[in-house]
N, C-alpha and C. Protein backbone atom coordinates (compact mmCIF):
# COMPACT_ATOMS: atom_id res chain seq x y z
N MET A 1 10.21 -20.42 -6.93
CA MET A 1 10.99 -20.77 -7.91
C MET A 1 12.00 -21.89 -7.25
N ARG A 2 12.44 -21.92 -6.24
CA ARG A 2 13.56 -22.77 -5.41
C ARG A 2 12.81 -23.77 -5.34
N VAL A 3 11.57 -24.29 -4.82
CA VAL A 3 10.89 -25.17 -4.78
C VAL A 3 11.06 -26.02 -5.91
N VAL A 4 10.67 -25.22 -7.06
CA VAL A 4 10.25 -25.99 -8.12
C VAL A 4 11.84 -26.42 -8.97
N ALA A 5 12.76 -25.82 -8.54
CA ALA A 5 13.93 -26.10 -8.65
C ALA A 5 14.67 -27.35 -7.88
N TYR A 6 13.93 -27.67 -7.02
CA TYR A 6 14.43 -28.37 -5.99
C TYR A 6 13.66 -29.90 -6.56
N LEU A 7 12.23 -29.60 -6.86
CA LEU A 7 11.76 -30.96 -7.71
C LEU A 7 12.38 -31.06 -8.38
N ALA A 8 12.82 -30.60 -9.31
CA ALA A 8 13.29 -30.46 -10.77
C ALA A 8 14.78 -31.30 -10.59
N VAL A 9 15.48 -31.21 -9.69
CA VAL A 9 16.66 -31.71 -9.57
C VAL A 9 16.83 -32.95 -9.07
N VAL A 10 15.62 -33.03 -7.93
CA VAL A 10 15.17 -34.63 -7.06
C VAL A 10 14.42 -35.59 -8.42
N ALA A 11 14.13 -35.28 -9.41
CA ALA A 11 13.50 -35.89 -10.66
C ALA A 11 14.29 -36.22 -11.33
N ALA A 12 15.27 -35.53 -11.66
CA ALA A 12 16.44 -35.82 -12.88
C ALA A 12 17.24 -36.89 -12.29
N LEU A 13 17.73 -36.61 -11.03
CA LEU A 13 18.73 -37.69 -10.19
C LEU A 13 17.73 -39.16 -9.99
N VAL A 14 16.59 -39.07 -9.57
CA VAL A 14 15.83 -40.23 -9.85
C VAL A 14 15.96 -41.11 -11.15
N VAL A 15 15.78 -40.06 -11.92
CA VAL A 15 15.43 -40.53 -13.67
C VAL A 15 16.87 -41.06 -14.20
N GLY A 16 18.07 -40.24 -13.65
CA GLY A 16 19.34 -40.68 -13.94
C GLY A 16 19.54 -42.16 -13.62
N GLY A 17 19.41 -42.45 -12.37
CA GLY A 17 19.63 -43.74 -11.55
C GLY A 17 19.00 -44.52 -12.13
N MET A 18 17.49 -44.36 -12.62
CA MET A 18 17.07 -45.71 -13.19
C MET A 18 17.73 -45.88 -14.41
N ALA A 19 17.66 -45.05 -14.79
CA ALA A 19 18.80 -45.11 -16.66
C ALA A 19 20.06 -45.70 -16.32
N CYS A 20 20.81 -45.75 -15.49
CA CYS A 20 22.10 -46.24 -15.42
C CYS A 20 21.73 -47.66 -14.43
N GLY A 21 20.33 -48.10 -14.09
CA GLY A 21 20.72 -49.42 -13.28
C GLY A 21 21.40 -49.12 -12.06
N GLY A 22 21.72 -48.08 -11.36
CA GLY A 22 22.32 -48.39 -10.28
C GLY A 22 23.68 -47.48 -10.56
N ALA A 23 24.24 -46.37 -9.65
CA ALA A 23 25.33 -45.57 -9.60
C ALA A 23 26.36 -46.07 -9.19
N LYS A 24 27.52 -45.51 -9.59
CA LYS A 24 28.81 -46.06 -8.84
C LYS A 24 29.18 -45.00 -7.85
N PRO A 25 29.82 -45.77 -6.89
CA PRO A 25 30.09 -44.71 -5.57
C PRO A 25 30.27 -43.26 -5.74
N ALA A 26 30.96 -42.76 -6.89
CA ALA A 26 31.37 -41.16 -7.19
C ALA A 26 30.02 -40.60 -7.82
N GLN A 27 29.42 -41.43 -8.21
CA GLN A 27 28.17 -40.88 -9.18
C GLN A 27 26.98 -40.42 -7.66
N GLU A 28 26.90 -41.30 -6.80
CA GLU A 28 25.91 -41.45 -5.45
C GLU A 28 26.77 -40.91 -5.01
N ALA A 29 27.55 -39.95 -4.48
CA ALA A 29 28.37 -38.88 -3.64
C ALA A 29 27.70 -37.50 -4.59
N THR A 30 28.16 -37.53 -5.67
CA THR A 30 27.90 -36.14 -6.86
C THR A 30 26.35 -35.88 -6.40
N GLN A 31 25.46 -37.26 -6.53
CA GLN A 31 23.95 -36.90 -6.54
C GLN A 31 23.54 -36.36 -4.94
N ALA A 32 24.34 -37.07 -4.13
CA ALA A 32 23.95 -36.57 -2.68
C ALA A 32 24.18 -35.26 -2.26
N GLN A 33 25.30 -34.84 -3.04
CA GLN A 33 25.59 -33.33 -2.77
C GLN A 33 25.09 -32.38 -3.73
N ALA A 34 24.12 -32.79 -4.89
CA ALA A 34 23.43 -32.18 -5.35
C ALA A 34 21.94 -32.22 -4.77
N THR A 35 21.57 -32.86 -4.19
CA THR A 35 20.52 -33.21 -3.51
C THR A 35 20.48 -32.20 -2.20
N GLN A 36 21.54 -32.45 -1.40
CA GLN A 36 21.46 -31.22 -0.09
C GLN A 36 21.55 -30.18 -0.78
N GLN A 37 22.36 -29.61 -1.63
CA GLN A 37 22.21 -28.35 -2.17
C GLN A 37 20.85 -28.01 -2.70
N ALA A 38 19.97 -28.58 -3.50
CA ALA A 38 19.01 -28.54 -3.85
C ALA A 38 17.81 -28.02 -2.57
N GLN A 39 17.87 -28.80 -1.48
CA GLN A 39 17.06 -28.84 -0.33
C GLN A 39 17.45 -27.45 0.24
N LYS A 40 18.92 -26.88 0.39
CA LYS A 40 18.88 -26.13 0.79
C LYS A 40 18.67 -24.74 0.13
N ASP A 41 18.88 -24.93 -0.94
CA ASP A 41 18.27 -23.90 -1.82
C ASP A 41 16.44 -23.59 -1.68
N ALA A 42 16.15 -24.60 -1.48
CA ALA A 42 14.73 -24.70 -1.61
C ALA A 42 14.14 -24.00 -0.46
N ALA A 43 14.81 -24.41 1.15
CA ALA A 43 14.27 -24.05 2.34
C ALA A 43 13.73 -22.47 2.33
N PRO A 44 14.38 -22.30 2.14
CA PRO A 44 13.51 -20.95 2.29
C PRO A 44 12.35 -20.41 1.56
N GLY A 45 12.08 -20.96 -0.21
CA GLY A 45 10.84 -21.10 -0.28
C GLY A 45 9.93 -22.13 0.03
N LEU A 46 10.38 -23.08 0.74
CA LEU A 46 9.12 -24.00 1.49
C LEU A 46 9.14 -22.82 2.72
N GLY A 47 9.61 -22.59 3.38
CA GLY A 47 9.03 -21.69 4.58
C GLY A 47 8.17 -20.52 4.19
N GLU A 48 8.45 -19.85 3.04
CA GLU A 48 7.47 -18.92 2.58
C GLU A 48 6.28 -19.28 2.41
N MET A 49 6.21 -20.70 1.47
CA MET A 49 4.85 -20.92 1.53
C MET A 49 4.06 -21.61 2.62
N ALA A 50 4.96 -22.07 3.33
CA ALA A 50 4.33 -22.94 4.70
C ALA A 50 3.87 -21.44 6.33
N ARG A 51 4.39 -20.12 5.57
CA ARG A 51 4.09 -18.94 5.92
C ARG A 51 2.71 -18.55 5.62
N GLY A 52 2.62 -18.64 4.08
CA GLY A 52 1.72 -18.31 3.44
C GLY A 52 0.66 -18.94 3.70
N PHE A 53 0.35 -20.23 4.03
CA PHE A 53 -0.73 -21.03 4.08
C PHE A 53 -1.32 -20.42 5.46
N GLU A 54 -0.26 -20.60 6.38
CA GLU A 54 -0.86 -20.31 7.62
C GLU A 54 -1.61 -18.85 7.80
N ALA A 55 -0.88 -17.79 6.62
CA ALA A 55 -1.97 -16.66 7.10
C ALA A 55 -2.86 -16.83 5.98
N MET A 56 -3.31 -17.59 5.16
CA MET A 56 -4.53 -17.67 4.32
C MET A 56 -5.22 -18.54 5.59
N ALA A 57 -4.73 -19.29 6.34
CA ALA A 57 -5.60 -20.37 7.35
C ALA A 57 -6.35 -19.45 8.20
N ARG A 58 -5.49 -18.26 8.87
CA ARG A 58 -5.77 -17.61 9.66
C ARG A 58 -6.73 -16.35 9.33
N SER A 59 -6.55 -16.14 8.10
CA SER A 59 -7.61 -14.70 7.47
C SER A 59 -9.10 -15.82 7.23
N ALA A 60 -9.01 -16.96 6.85
CA ALA A 60 -10.43 -17.65 6.57
C ALA A 60 -10.92 -17.74 7.81
N LYS A 61 -10.26 -17.98 9.01
CA LYS A 61 -11.30 -18.02 10.07
C LYS A 61 -11.34 -16.64 10.59
N GLU A 62 -10.72 -15.91 10.29
CA GLU A 62 -11.16 -14.20 10.36
C GLU A 62 -12.20 -14.32 9.70
N MET A 63 -12.36 -14.35 7.93
CA MET A 63 -13.56 -14.29 7.47
C MET A 63 -14.45 -15.03 8.32
N GLU A 64 -14.58 -16.11 8.83
CA GLU A 64 -15.65 -16.97 9.40
C GLU A 64 -16.33 -15.74 10.21
N GLU A 65 -15.59 -15.33 11.51
CA GLU A 65 -16.04 -14.44 12.44
C GLU A 65 -16.75 -13.34 11.86
N LEU A 66 -16.15 -12.58 10.98
CA LEU A 66 -16.94 -11.43 10.38
C LEU A 66 -18.19 -12.03 9.29
N SER A 67 -18.34 -13.00 9.31
CA SER A 67 -19.47 -13.51 8.47
C SER A 67 -20.40 -13.62 9.34
N LYS A 68 -20.14 -13.64 10.30
CA LYS A 68 -21.77 -13.91 11.59
C LYS A 68 -21.97 -12.64 12.00
N ARG A 69 -21.06 -11.46 11.29
CA ARG A 69 -21.68 -10.20 11.90
C ARG A 69 -22.83 -9.65 11.18
N PRO A 70 -23.96 -9.47 11.45
CA PRO A 70 -24.81 -9.17 10.96
C PRO A 70 -24.55 -7.44 9.96
N PRO A 71 -25.18 -7.61 8.36
CA PRO A 71 -24.65 -6.16 7.78
C PRO A 71 -25.80 -4.94 8.51
N VAL A 72 -25.38 -4.23 8.37
CA VAL A 72 -26.10 -2.53 9.14
C VAL A 72 -26.13 -1.70 7.77
N GLU A 73 -26.66 -0.62 8.03
CA GLU A 73 -26.35 0.53 7.23
C GLU A 73 -25.32 1.46 7.58
N PRO A 74 -24.26 1.52 6.30
CA PRO A 74 -23.40 2.50 6.61
C PRO A 74 -23.68 4.04 7.17
N VAL A 75 -23.22 4.49 7.97
CA VAL A 75 -23.36 6.14 8.39
C VAL A 75 -23.03 7.00 7.04
N SER A 76 -23.42 8.25 6.81
CA SER A 76 -23.23 9.13 5.89
C SER A 76 -22.02 9.39 5.75
N PHE A 77 -21.54 9.86 4.50
CA PHE A 77 -20.56 10.39 4.75
C PHE A 77 -19.81 11.43 4.94
N LYS A 78 -21.23 12.37 5.44
CA LYS A 78 -21.05 13.65 6.39
C LYS A 78 -20.59 13.24 7.26
N VAL A 79 -20.93 11.68 8.03
CA VAL A 79 -20.81 11.88 9.50
C VAL A 79 -18.98 11.07 9.59
N LEU A 80 -18.34 11.02 8.82
CA LEU A 80 -17.00 10.36 8.61
C LEU A 80 -16.12 11.61 8.34
N ALA A 81 -16.26 12.53 7.31
CA ALA A 81 -15.51 13.69 7.39
C ALA A 81 -15.25 14.51 8.54
N PRO A 82 -15.80 14.82 9.50
CA PRO A 82 -14.95 15.33 10.40
C PRO A 82 -14.02 14.51 11.28
N PHE A 83 -13.75 13.40 10.92
CA PHE A 83 -12.66 12.37 11.93
C PHE A 83 -11.28 12.81 11.36
N PHE A 84 -11.27 13.50 9.95
CA PHE A 84 -9.68 13.95 9.47
C PHE A 84 -9.79 15.45 10.02
N PRO A 85 -8.10 14.70 10.58
CA PRO A 85 -7.87 16.34 11.65
C PRO A 85 -6.60 16.93 10.84
N ASP A 86 -6.45 17.97 11.50
CA ASP A 86 -5.36 18.64 10.82
C ASP A 86 -4.01 18.16 10.97
N LEU A 87 -3.05 18.79 10.17
CA LEU A 87 -1.49 17.71 10.38
C LEU A 87 -0.81 19.13 10.11
N ALA A 88 0.24 19.18 11.45
CA ALA A 88 1.06 20.46 11.48
C ALA A 88 1.85 20.15 10.18
N GLY A 89 1.94 21.73 9.48
CA GLY A 89 3.02 21.92 8.38
C GLY A 89 2.37 21.38 6.94
N TRP A 90 1.26 20.76 6.92
CA TRP A 90 0.55 20.09 5.61
C TRP A 90 -0.96 21.17 5.53
N GLU A 91 -1.13 21.01 4.40
CA GLU A 91 -2.32 21.98 3.78
C GLU A 91 -3.64 21.03 4.07
N LYS A 92 -4.50 20.83 4.38
CA LYS A 92 -5.60 20.01 4.24
C LYS A 92 -6.60 20.60 3.22
N GLY A 93 -7.07 19.82 2.29
CA GLY A 93 -7.91 20.00 1.64
C GLY A 93 -9.46 19.69 1.94
N ALA A 94 -10.71 20.11 0.97
CA ALA A 94 -12.06 19.55 1.65
C ALA A 94 -12.40 18.60 1.14
N PRO A 95 -13.04 17.75 2.14
CA PRO A 95 -13.25 16.22 2.10
C PRO A 95 -14.18 16.13 1.09
N GLU A 96 -14.35 14.92 0.59
CA GLU A 96 -15.47 14.45 -0.30
C GLU A 96 -15.39 13.48 -0.22
N GLY A 97 -17.05 12.89 -0.39
CA GLY A 97 -17.49 11.46 0.04
C GLY A 97 -18.37 10.99 -1.08
N GLU A 98 -19.10 9.63 -0.38
CA GLU A 98 -19.98 8.98 -1.38
C GLU A 98 -20.73 8.28 -0.39
N LYS A 99 -21.77 7.76 -0.65
CA LYS A 99 -22.56 6.30 -0.04
C LYS A 99 -23.19 5.47 -1.26
N MET A 100 -22.90 4.53 -1.28
CA MET A 100 -23.70 3.86 -2.21
C MET A 100 -24.58 2.41 -1.92
N SER A 101 -25.14 1.62 -2.44
CA SER A 101 -25.89 0.56 -2.09
C SER A 101 -25.66 -0.63 -2.66
N ALA A 102 -24.81 -0.23 -4.20
CA ALA A 102 -24.69 -1.58 -4.77
C ALA A 102 -23.04 -1.23 -5.27
N PRO A 103 -22.49 -2.41 -5.79
CA PRO A 103 -22.32 -3.70 -5.59
C PRO A 103 -22.68 -4.12 -3.93
N VAL A 104 -21.85 -3.49 -3.44
CA VAL A 104 -21.97 -3.55 -1.70
C VAL A 104 -22.39 -2.24 -1.25
N ALA A 105 -23.31 -2.21 0.09
CA ALA A 105 -23.71 -1.22 0.75
C ALA A 105 -22.37 -0.35 1.01
N ILE A 106 -21.74 0.76 1.11
CA ILE A 106 -20.55 1.09 1.73
C ILE A 106 -20.72 2.61 1.48
N SER A 107 -19.95 3.79 2.38
CA SER A 107 -19.82 4.74 2.50
C SER A 107 -18.59 5.35 2.78
N ASN A 108 -17.84 6.10 2.38
CA ASN A 108 -16.60 6.95 2.45
C ASN A 108 -16.44 7.96 2.38
N SER A 109 -15.42 8.88 2.66
CA SER A 109 -15.07 10.07 2.90
C SER A 109 -13.54 10.28 2.67
N GLN A 110 -12.96 11.05 1.72
CA GLN A 110 -11.53 11.21 1.71
C GLN A 110 -10.84 12.64 1.54
N VAL A 111 -9.93 12.76 2.16
CA VAL A 111 -9.33 14.42 1.99
C VAL A 111 -8.24 14.07 1.78
N ASP A 112 -7.54 15.03 0.91
CA ASP A 112 -5.81 15.01 0.33
C ASP A 112 -5.40 16.53 1.42
N TYR A 113 -3.98 15.73 1.69
CA TYR A 113 -2.90 16.63 2.48
C TYR A 113 -1.95 16.92 1.04
N THR A 114 -1.50 18.18 1.29
CA THR A 114 -0.21 18.60 0.33
C THR A 114 0.68 19.07 1.08
N LYS A 115 2.06 19.14 1.35
CA LYS A 115 3.43 19.59 1.69
C LYS A 115 4.29 19.60 0.38
N ASP A 116 4.27 20.76 -0.15
CA ASP A 116 5.29 21.19 -1.21
C ASP A 116 4.93 20.20 -2.42
N GLU A 117 5.62 19.21 -2.90
CA GLU A 117 5.33 17.66 -3.74
C GLU A 117 4.98 17.02 -2.97
N ALA A 118 5.00 16.60 -1.56
CA ALA A 118 4.49 15.43 -1.18
C ALA A 118 2.87 15.56 -0.96
N ARG A 119 2.27 14.42 -0.92
CA ARG A 119 0.91 14.33 -0.91
C ARG A 119 0.05 13.11 0.16
N ILE A 120 -0.08 13.43 0.86
CA ILE A 120 -1.77 12.36 1.34
C ILE A 120 -2.67 12.11 1.05
N THR A 121 -3.34 11.33 0.58
CA THR A 121 -4.59 11.15 0.67
C THR A 121 -5.40 10.04 1.58
N ALA A 122 -6.04 10.29 2.77
CA ALA A 122 -6.46 9.66 3.65
C ALA A 122 -8.24 9.41 3.37
N LYS A 123 -8.26 7.86 3.44
CA LYS A 123 -10.21 7.64 3.03
C LYS A 123 -10.47 6.86 4.48
N ILE A 124 -11.43 7.13 4.69
CA ILE A 124 -12.49 6.43 5.80
C ILE A 124 -13.69 5.62 5.33
N THR A 125 -13.76 4.13 5.32
CA THR A 125 -14.59 3.67 4.82
C THR A 125 -15.63 2.60 5.90
N ASP A 126 -17.01 3.08 5.66
CA ASP A 126 -18.26 1.92 6.65
C ASP A 126 -18.22 0.92 5.33
N SER A 127 -17.64 -0.14 6.20
CA SER A 127 -17.87 -1.33 5.36
C SER A 127 -19.61 -1.64 5.33
N GLY A 128 -20.18 -1.41 6.63
CA GLY A 128 -21.56 -2.03 6.89
C GLY A 128 -21.68 -3.52 7.55
N ASN A 129 -20.10 -3.87 7.69
CA ASN A 129 -20.00 -5.22 7.60
C ASN A 129 -20.09 -5.86 6.69
N SER A 130 -19.56 -5.89 5.28
CA SER A 130 -19.99 -6.19 4.36
C SER A 130 -18.35 -7.13 4.30
N THR A 131 -18.88 -8.46 3.98
CA THR A 131 -17.60 -9.07 4.30
C THR A 131 -17.33 -9.15 2.46
N MET A 132 -17.92 -8.86 1.71
CA MET A 132 -17.41 -8.94 0.08
C MET A 132 -16.37 -7.82 0.26
N PHE A 133 -16.94 -6.45 0.85
CA PHE A 133 -15.79 -5.72 0.73
C PHE A 133 -14.36 -6.01 1.85
N LEU A 134 -15.00 -6.55 2.91
CA LEU A 134 -13.67 -6.48 3.78
C LEU A 134 -12.65 -7.94 3.28
N ALA A 135 -13.30 -8.97 2.62
CA ALA A 135 -12.21 -10.22 2.50
C ALA A 135 -11.22 -9.88 1.72
N PRO A 136 -10.81 -9.27 0.50
CA PRO A 136 -9.61 -8.77 -0.03
C PRO A 136 -8.40 -8.50 1.10
N PHE A 137 -8.83 -7.68 2.62
CA PHE A 137 -7.91 -7.09 3.16
C PHE A 137 -7.35 -7.91 4.98
N MET A 138 -8.18 -9.26 4.12
CA MET A 138 -7.89 -10.43 5.35
C MET A 138 -6.71 -10.70 5.65
N VAL A 139 -5.68 -11.11 4.61
CA VAL A 139 -4.71 -11.44 4.95
C VAL A 139 -3.68 -10.60 5.12
N PHE A 140 -3.60 -9.36 5.20
CA PHE A 140 -2.93 -8.38 5.32
C PHE A 140 -3.13 -8.08 6.91
N LEU A 141 -3.98 -8.56 7.32
CA LEU A 141 -4.44 -8.21 8.80
C LEU A 141 -4.08 -9.12 9.87
N THR A 142 -3.33 -10.42 8.98
CA THR A 142 -2.83 -11.41 10.04
C THR A 142 -1.75 -11.28 11.13
N ALA A 143 -1.75 -11.20 12.38
CA ALA A 143 -0.43 -11.02 12.95
C ALA A 143 0.62 -11.54 12.76
N GLY A 144 1.73 -10.73 12.64
CA GLY A 144 2.93 -11.45 12.22
C GLY A 144 3.46 -11.32 10.20
N TYR A 145 1.70 -10.91 9.87
CA TYR A 145 2.37 -10.95 8.63
C TYR A 145 3.58 -10.00 8.08
N GLU A 146 4.23 -10.46 6.97
CA GLU A 146 5.80 -9.48 6.81
C GLU A 146 6.26 -9.99 5.69
N LYS A 147 6.13 -9.12 4.63
CA LYS A 147 7.41 -9.23 3.14
C LYS A 147 8.33 -8.62 3.12
N GLU A 148 9.17 -8.69 2.59
CA GLU A 148 10.48 -7.63 2.53
C GLU A 148 10.87 -7.64 1.07
N THR A 149 11.01 -6.84 0.32
CA THR A 149 11.58 -6.36 -1.08
C THR A 149 12.67 -5.87 -1.00
N SER A 150 13.74 -5.70 -2.48
CA SER A 150 14.83 -4.76 -2.56
C SER A 150 14.54 -3.46 -2.14
N ASN A 151 13.20 -3.03 -2.22
CA ASN A 151 12.91 -1.82 -2.24
C ASN A 151 12.64 -1.23 -1.30
N GLY A 152 11.68 -2.24 -0.58
CA GLY A 152 10.86 -1.73 0.60
C GLY A 152 10.61 -2.95 1.65
N PHE A 153 9.17 -2.63 2.11
CA PHE A 153 8.53 -3.50 2.93
C PHE A 153 6.95 -3.72 2.85
N GLU A 154 6.32 -4.65 3.46
CA GLU A 154 4.68 -4.64 3.95
C GLU A 154 5.00 -5.67 4.86
N LYS A 155 3.99 -5.04 6.04
CA LYS A 155 3.88 -5.73 7.07
C LYS A 155 2.41 -5.67 8.17
N SER A 156 1.91 -6.27 8.51
CA SER A 156 1.18 -6.32 9.85
C SER A 156 1.40 -5.25 10.87
N ALA A 157 0.60 -4.26 11.30
CA ALA A 157 0.59 -3.14 12.06
C ALA A 157 -0.03 -3.03 13.25
N LYS A 158 0.11 -2.60 14.07
CA LYS A 158 -0.97 -1.87 15.00
C LYS A 158 -1.03 -0.22 15.51
N VAL A 159 -2.36 0.38 15.14
CA VAL A 159 -2.28 1.55 15.41
C VAL A 159 -3.39 1.55 16.62
N GLY A 160 -3.01 2.07 18.05
CA GLY A 160 -3.17 1.96 19.39
C GLY A 160 -3.75 0.54 19.18
N ASP A 161 -5.26 0.05 19.67
CA ASP A 161 -5.79 -1.38 19.61
C ASP A 161 -5.56 -1.76 18.28
N GLN A 162 -5.60 -1.10 17.56
CA GLN A 162 -6.28 -1.48 16.05
C GLN A 162 -5.58 -1.92 15.29
N PRO A 163 -5.83 -3.44 14.58
CA PRO A 163 -4.87 -3.80 13.65
C PRO A 163 -5.28 -3.19 12.49
N GLY A 164 -4.12 -3.44 11.39
CA GLY A 164 -3.81 -2.90 10.14
C GLY A 164 -2.19 -3.12 9.89
N TRP A 165 -1.93 -3.01 8.46
CA TRP A 165 -0.72 -3.49 7.75
C TRP A 165 -0.48 -1.66 7.04
N GLU A 166 0.92 -2.16 6.58
CA GLU A 166 1.40 -0.77 5.90
C GLU A 166 2.36 -1.38 4.93
N ARG A 167 2.97 -0.35 4.22
CA ARG A 167 3.65 -0.73 2.98
C ARG A 167 4.86 0.01 2.29
N TRP A 168 5.83 0.07 2.69
CA TRP A 168 6.62 1.04 1.89
C TRP A 168 7.60 0.94 0.50
N ASP A 169 7.62 1.74 -0.01
CA ASP A 169 8.74 1.60 -1.59
C ASP A 169 9.61 2.81 -1.53
N GLY A 170 11.09 2.46 -1.16
CA GLY A 170 12.01 3.32 -0.88
C GLY A 170 12.06 4.39 -2.09
N GLU A 171 12.01 3.40 -3.56
CA GLU A 171 12.62 4.00 -4.75
C GLU A 171 11.33 5.04 -5.10
N SER A 172 10.07 4.27 -5.20
CA SER A 172 9.48 5.56 -5.38
C SER A 172 8.96 6.52 -4.14
N LYS A 173 9.19 6.32 -3.28
CA LYS A 173 8.95 7.21 -1.95
C LYS A 173 7.28 6.91 -2.02
N THR A 174 6.57 6.05 -1.83
CA THR A 174 5.36 6.19 -1.59
C THR A 174 5.32 4.94 -0.22
N GLY A 175 4.30 5.32 0.18
CA GLY A 175 3.84 4.14 1.42
C GLY A 175 2.14 4.35 1.89
N GLU A 176 2.00 3.50 2.39
CA GLU A 176 0.47 3.14 2.80
C GLU A 176 0.43 2.68 4.27
N LEU A 177 -0.33 3.20 5.16
CA LEU A 177 -0.89 2.56 6.20
C LEU A 177 -2.25 2.31 6.24
N ASN A 178 -2.89 1.18 6.80
CA ASN A 178 -3.82 0.80 6.66
C ASN A 178 -4.61 0.59 8.08
N ILE A 179 -5.61 0.84 8.32
CA ILE A 179 -6.18 0.51 10.06
C ILE A 179 -7.69 0.22 9.90
N PHE A 180 -7.89 -0.98 10.51
CA PHE A 180 -9.27 -1.79 10.54
C PHE A 180 -9.70 -1.54 11.58
N VAL A 181 -10.63 -0.41 11.84
CA VAL A 181 -11.27 -0.26 13.31
C VAL A 181 -12.84 -0.92 13.34
N ASN A 182 -12.58 -1.58 14.41
CA ASN A 182 -13.92 -2.51 14.98
C ASN A 182 -14.24 -3.48 14.12
N LYS A 183 -13.54 -3.80 13.40
CA LYS A 183 -13.85 -4.88 12.65
C LYS A 183 -15.12 -4.51 11.30
N ARG A 184 -14.83 -3.20 11.32
CA ARG A 184 -16.36 -2.58 10.45
C ARG A 184 -15.40 -1.37 9.66
N PHE A 185 -14.68 -0.43 9.98
CA PHE A 185 -14.15 0.76 9.09
C PHE A 185 -13.13 0.91 9.22
N LEU A 186 -12.54 1.05 7.65
CA LEU A 186 -10.99 0.91 6.94
C LEU A 186 -11.03 2.17 6.89
N VAL A 187 -9.59 2.61 7.77
CA VAL A 187 -9.11 3.90 7.11
C VAL A 187 -7.94 3.69 6.63
N GLU A 188 -7.70 4.40 5.39
CA GLU A 188 -6.56 4.17 4.31
C GLU A 188 -5.71 5.69 4.35
N LEU A 189 -4.35 5.24 4.35
CA LEU A 189 -3.65 6.48 4.44
C LEU A 189 -2.60 6.25 3.55
N ASN A 190 -2.52 6.63 2.16
CA ASN A 190 -1.37 6.78 1.08
C ASN A 190 -0.96 7.66 0.98
N GLY A 191 0.74 7.70 0.93
CA GLY A 191 1.43 9.10 0.85
C GLY A 191 2.34 8.96 -0.67
N SER A 192 2.63 9.83 -1.12
CA SER A 192 3.59 10.12 -2.24
C SER A 192 4.63 10.94 -1.86
N GLY A 193 5.67 11.18 -2.77
CA GLY A 193 6.71 11.95 -1.84
C GLY A 193 7.09 12.09 -0.43
N ILE A 194 6.84 11.20 -0.21
CA ILE A 194 6.93 11.34 1.55
C ILE A 194 8.72 10.57 1.69
N GLU A 195 9.06 10.88 3.00
CA GLU A 195 10.25 10.53 3.45
C GLU A 195 10.65 8.64 4.07
N ASN A 196 9.33 8.70 4.51
CA ASN A 196 8.97 7.22 5.39
C ASN A 196 7.70 7.44 5.61
N ASN A 197 7.13 6.36 6.49
CA ASN A 197 6.01 6.42 6.71
C ASN A 197 5.42 6.96 8.07
N GLN A 198 6.90 7.35 8.51
CA GLN A 198 6.46 8.22 10.18
C GLN A 198 5.22 9.11 9.93
N VAL A 199 4.88 10.10 9.08
CA VAL A 199 4.22 11.17 8.61
C VAL A 199 2.89 10.49 8.59
N LEU A 200 2.83 9.07 8.19
CA LEU A 200 1.46 8.71 8.16
C LEU A 200 0.97 7.92 9.70
N HIS A 201 2.00 7.52 10.25
CA HIS A 201 1.58 7.15 11.67
C HIS A 201 1.17 8.32 12.53
N GLU A 202 1.80 9.42 12.14
CA GLU A 202 1.56 10.88 12.91
C GLU A 202 0.06 11.03 12.81
N LEU A 203 -0.13 10.85 11.26
CA LEU A 203 -1.88 11.65 10.88
C LEU A 203 -2.75 10.10 11.76
N ALA A 204 -2.17 8.79 11.39
CA ALA A 204 -2.69 8.08 11.93
C ALA A 204 -3.45 8.50 13.33
N ARG A 205 -2.24 8.53 14.05
CA ARG A 205 -2.62 8.87 15.61
C ARG A 205 -3.35 10.07 16.13
N LYS A 206 -3.53 10.98 15.09
CA LYS A 206 -4.30 12.19 15.15
C LYS A 206 -6.09 12.06 15.06
N ILE A 207 -6.40 10.69 14.66
CA ILE A 207 -7.67 10.17 14.53
C ILE A 207 -8.24 9.71 15.23
N ASP A 208 -9.51 9.94 15.60
CA ASP A 208 -10.13 9.38 17.00
C ASP A 208 -10.52 7.99 16.61
N LEU A 209 -10.01 7.22 17.07
CA LEU A 209 -10.20 5.73 16.36
C LEU A 209 -11.20 5.29 17.20
N ARG A 210 -11.08 5.50 18.58
CA ARG A 210 -12.10 4.94 19.51
C ARG A 210 -13.52 5.49 19.20
N LYS A 211 -13.62 6.69 18.52
CA LYS A 211 -14.80 7.69 18.65
C LYS A 211 -15.64 6.76 17.35
N LEU A 212 -14.67 6.61 16.27
CA LEU A 212 -14.78 6.25 14.92
C LEU A 212 -15.56 4.89 14.98
N GLY A 213 -14.74 4.02 16.01
CA GLY A 213 -15.25 2.21 15.95
C GLY A 213 -16.74 2.42 16.76
N ASP A 214 -16.96 3.69 17.46
CA ASP A 214 -18.59 3.86 18.48
C ASP A 214 -19.50 3.78 17.69
N LEU A 215 -19.15 4.53 16.38
CA LEU A 215 -20.44 4.75 15.47
C LEU A 215 -21.46 3.73 14.90
N GLN A 216 -22.96 3.73 15.28
CA GLN A 216 -23.66 3.09 14.94
C GLN A 216 -24.22 3.59 13.28
């Protein structure tokens, strides 16, 4: 919006100058001040756009690299279920899972953790190296990605040696932590009724990500 406002101000000043056939010194000063203020207001928006384009370029490059990996048969969801650890103070439910062949070949397993009114849903997906499945997540995996809102944030993150991203909304007390393991497996931790994302990081540290990444 700032960028659009800046362009509108510049356009209005140019048109005004053309209509008058040349501005007087006082008018020129006023126009200069207006242009400087418009540039100042637009700067944050321009910077945000530039960062966005950079993130898109990096994610496109990452997707190109991923597309070179041959597709593999996803493991059974029964193989993924044992990776969910116990979490002190939380009740862990029974894991559920599925394996599908279309529209993309993937398998996943998930389990719920509950503590009073709080809940964490943990999910592990084997993408089978499917670029169709992984594509929507690439921009979030870009190192340095960050977005702040009035209620929280979203940003890239690392868990151990694995890249990922997290979100937090303080108003709704909801958060998520996602981890991309060995460019194939996606671990998703979604919490509601939690005080912050610390408990999600605690749960993530208990998952054997190295062993998960070594699955064939």
